[in-house]
Amino acid sequence: MPVDPSATQPPVILSAAEGSRSYKNEPLKESHLRSLLKAMSWRILATLTTILIAYFITGQIDIALMIGGIEFVLKFLIYYLHERAWQLVPRGSIRRLVHWDTDHS
């Protein structure tokens, strides 16, 4: 009788967002580099928006650039720390919490 090869291998989960493979029991973790790159790309877009708003309000490009520069540095750090803090939350724990709440209502 032939043996099903998938029966001897752990199931593989493909993450569309990450484009990576992970075994079912291994937690999906985002690398520090990916968190930094995401923080950088978002900060550039958000800072350009802030600079434009500051320029339209003040009419002074030097003030708008100063506001944008301060905002870039502070919010870059805050975003990175926020991303890393979420990595401490085990994947699926929020889903389990929500399901527990609906199961016991």
C-alpha atoms as a PDB file:
ATOM      1  CA  MET A   1       0.000   0.000   0.000  1.00  0.00           C
ATOM      2  CA  PRO A   2       1.507   3.396  -1.009  1.00  0.00           C
ATOM      3  CA  VAL A   3       2.332   5.883   1.751  1.00  0.00           C
ATOM      4  CA  ASP A   4       0.965   9.412   1.463  1.00  0.00           C
ATOM      5  CA  PRO A   5       4.110  11.643   1.532  1.00  0.00           C
ATOM      6  CA  SER A   6       2.161  14.549   3.041  1.00  0.00           C
ATOM      7  CA  ALA A   7       1.305  12.396   6.069  1.00  0.00           C
ATOM      8  CA  THR A   8       4.972  12.287   7.115  1.00  0.00           C
ATOM      9  CA  GLN A   9       5.680  16.011   6.708  1.00  0.00           C
ATOM     10  CA  PRO A  10       4.426  18.853   8.898  1.00  0.00           C
ATOM     11  CA  PRO A  11       1.907  21.153   7.197  1.00  0.00           C
ATOM     12  CA  VAL A  12       3.385  24.243   5.568  1.00  0.00           C
ATOM     13  CA  ILE A  13       1.686  27.605   5.842  1.00  0.00           C
ATOM     14  CA  LEU A  14       2.345  30.101   3.092  1.00  0.00           C
ATOM     15  CA  SER A  15       2.003  33.703   4.163  1.00  0.00           C
ATOM     16  CA  ALA A  16       0.784  35.850   1.285  1.00  0.00           C
ATOM     17  CA  ALA A  17       1.803  39.055   3.041  1.00  0.00           C
ATOM     18  CA  GLU A  18       5.312  37.862   3.770  1.00  0.00           C
ATOM     19  CA  GLY A  19       5.743  35.618   0.729  1.00  0.00           C
ATOM     20  CA  SER A  20       7.524  33.192   3.009  1.00  0.00           C
ATOM     21  CA  ARG A  21       7.101  29.636   4.273  1.00  0.00           C
ATOM     22  CA  SER A  22       6.662  28.645   7.866  1.00  0.00           C
ATOM     23  CA  TYR A  23       5.841  25.392   9.596  1.00  0.00           C
ATOM     24  CA  LYS A  24       2.563  25.388  11.464  1.00  0.00           C
ATOM     25  CA  ASN A  25       4.073  25.398  14.954  1.00  0.00           C
ATOM     26  CA  GLU A  26       6.691  28.055  14.194  1.00  0.00           C
ATOM     27  CA  PRO A  27       5.589  31.642  14.873  1.00  0.00           C
ATOM     28  CA  LEU A  28       5.809  34.071  11.969  1.00  0.00           C
ATOM     29  CA  LYS A  29       8.122  36.875  13.011  1.00  0.00           C
ATOM     30  CA  GLU A  30       9.011  40.013  11.159  1.00  0.00           C
ATOM     31  CA  SER A  31      12.709  40.788  10.946  1.00  0.00           C
ATOM     32  CA  HIS A  32      14.174  43.956  12.407  1.00  0.00           C
ATOM     33  CA  LEU A  33      15.266  44.994   8.895  1.00  0.00           C
ATOM     34  CA  ARG A  34      11.735  44.629   7.518  1.00  0.00           C
ATOM     35  CA  SER A  35      10.353  46.678  10.436  1.00  0.00           C
ATOM     36  CA  LEU A  36      12.960  49.374   9.760  1.00  0.00           C
ATOM     37  CA  LEU A  37      12.211  49.469   6.020  1.00  0.00           C
ATOM     38  CA  LYS A  38       8.466  49.695   6.638  1.00  0.00           C
ATOM     39  CA  ALA A  39       9.026  52.460   9.169  1.00  0.00           C
ATOM     40  CA  MET A  40      11.254  54.380   6.735  1.00  0.00           C
ATOM     41  CA  SER A  41       8.886  54.163   3.756  1.00  0.00           C
ATOM     42  CA  TRP A  42       5.886  55.185   5.853  1.00  0.00           C
ATOM     43  CA  ARG A  43       7.752  58.048   7.498  1.00  0.00           C
ATOM     44  CA  ILE A  44       8.801  59.490   4.141  1.00  0.00           C
ATOM     45  CA  LEU A  45       5.214  59.534   2.895  1.00  0.00           C
ATOM     46  CA  ALA A  46       3.775  60.831   6.178  1.00  0.00           C
ATOM     47  CA  THR A  47       6.485  63.500   6.564  1.00  0.00           C
ATOM     48  CA  LEU A  48       5.895  64.828   3.060  1.00  0.00           C
ATOM     49  CA  THR A  49       2.231  65.179   3.982  1.00  0.00           C
ATOM     50  CA  THR A  50       3.142  67.006   7.200  1.00  0.00           C
ATOM     51  CA  ILE A  51       5.489  69.362   5.347  1.00  0.00           C
ATOM     52  CA  LEU A  52       2.778  70.211   2.821  1.00  0.00           C
ATOM     53  CA  ILE A  53       0.216  70.874   5.567  1.00  0.00           C
ATOM     54  CA  ALA A  54       2.715  73.003   7.537  1.00  0.00           C
ATOM     55  CA  TYR A  55       3.582  74.971   4.393  1.00  0.00           C
ATOM     56  CA  PHE A  56      -0.074  75.656   3.567  1.00  0.00           C
ATOM     57  CA  ILE A  57      -0.691  76.826   7.153  1.00  0.00           C
ATOM     58  CA  THR A  58       2.462  78.927   7.632  1.00  0.00           C
ATOM     59  CA  GLY A  59       3.349  79.877   4.064  1.00  0.00           C
ATOM     60  CA  GLN A  60       7.019  79.436   5.042  1.00  0.00           C
ATOM     61  CA  ILE A  61       8.987  76.548   3.594  1.00  0.00           C
ATOM     62  CA  ASP A  62      11.756  76.746   6.226  1.00  0.00           C
ATOM     63  CA  ILE A  63       9.256  76.349   9.077  1.00  0.00           C
ATOM     64  CA  ALA A  64       7.467  73.544   7.192  1.00  0.00           C
ATOM     65  CA  LEU A  65      10.762  71.687   6.651  1.00  0.00           C
ATOM     66  CA  MET A  66      11.734  72.118  10.321  1.00  0.00           C
ATOM     67  CA  ILE A  67       8.380  70.737  11.478  1.00  0.00           C
ATOM     68  CA  GLY A  68       8.715  67.851   9.007  1.00  0.00           C
ATOM     69  CA  GLY A  69      12.249  67.055  10.183  1.00  0.00           C
ATOM     70  CA  ILE A  70      11.307  66.918  13.848  1.00  0.00           C
ATOM     71  CA  GLU A  71       8.205  64.866  13.062  1.00  0.00           C
ATOM     72  CA  PHE A  72      10.227  62.428  10.897  1.00  0.00           C
ATOM     73  CA  VAL A  73      12.750  61.543  13.593  1.00  0.00           C
ATOM     74  CA  LEU A  74      10.299  61.252  16.485  1.00  0.00           C
ATOM     75  CA  LYS A  75       7.606  59.316  14.653  1.00  0.00           C
ATOM     76  CA  PHE A  76      10.144  57.012  12.968  1.00  0.00           C
ATOM     77  CA  LEU A  77      11.341  55.906  16.383  1.00  0.00           C
ATOM     78  CA  ILE A  78       7.812  55.615  17.775  1.00  0.00           C
ATOM     79  CA  TYR A  79       6.645  53.530  14.784  1.00  0.00           C
ATOM     80  CA  TYR A  80       9.617  51.157  15.018  1.00  0.00           C
ATOM     81  CA  LEU A  81       9.059  50.624  18.747  1.00  0.00           C
ATOM     82  CA  HIS A  82       5.348  50.035  18.113  1.00  0.00           C
ATOM     83  CA  GLU A  83       6.135  47.399  15.449  1.00  0.00           C
ATOM     84  CA  ARG A  84       8.578  45.612  17.732  1.00  0.00           C
ATOM     85  CA  ALA A  85       6.121  45.683  20.647  1.00  0.00           C
ATOM     86  CA  TRP A  86       3.516  43.945  18.473  1.00  0.00           C
ATOM     87  CA  GLN A  87       6.076  41.228  17.732  1.00  0.00           C
ATOM     88  CA  LEU A  88       5.894  40.336  21.429  1.00  0.00           C
ATOM     89  CA  VAL A  89       2.199  39.472  21.063  1.00  0.00           C
ATOM     90  CA  PRO A  90       1.987  35.803  19.991  1.00  0.00           C
ATOM     91  CA  ARG A  91       0.300  35.380  16.610  1.00  0.00           C
ATOM     92  CA  GLY A  92      -3.260  34.166  16.994  1.00  0.00           C
ATOM     93  CA  SER A  93      -3.610  35.378  20.595  1.00  0.00           C
ATOM     94  CA  ILE A  94      -5.962  38.210  19.635  1.00  0.00           C
ATOM     95  CA  ARG A  95      -8.039  35.826  17.519  1.00  0.00           C
ATOM     96  CA  ARG A  96      -8.260  33.386  20.444  1.00  0.00           C
ATOM     97  CA  LEU A  97      -9.271  36.222  22.758  1.00  0.00           C
ATOM     98  CA  VAL A  98     -12.028  37.357  20.368  1.00  0.00           C
ATOM     99  CA  HIS A  99     -13.284  33.797  19.866  1.00  0.00           C
ATOM    100  CA  TRP A 100     -13.271  33.188  23.625  1.00  0.00           C
ATOM    101  CA  ASP A 101     -15.348  36.344  24.105  1.00  0.00           C
ATOM    102  CA  THR A 102     -17.938  35.302  21.485  1.00  0.00           C
ATOM    103  CA  ASP A 103     -18.073  31.706  22.740  1.00  0.00           C
ATOM    104  CA  HIS A 104     -18.835  32.790  26.321  1.00  0.00           C
ATOM    105  CA  SER A 105     -21.376  35.578  25.671  1.00  0.00           C
END
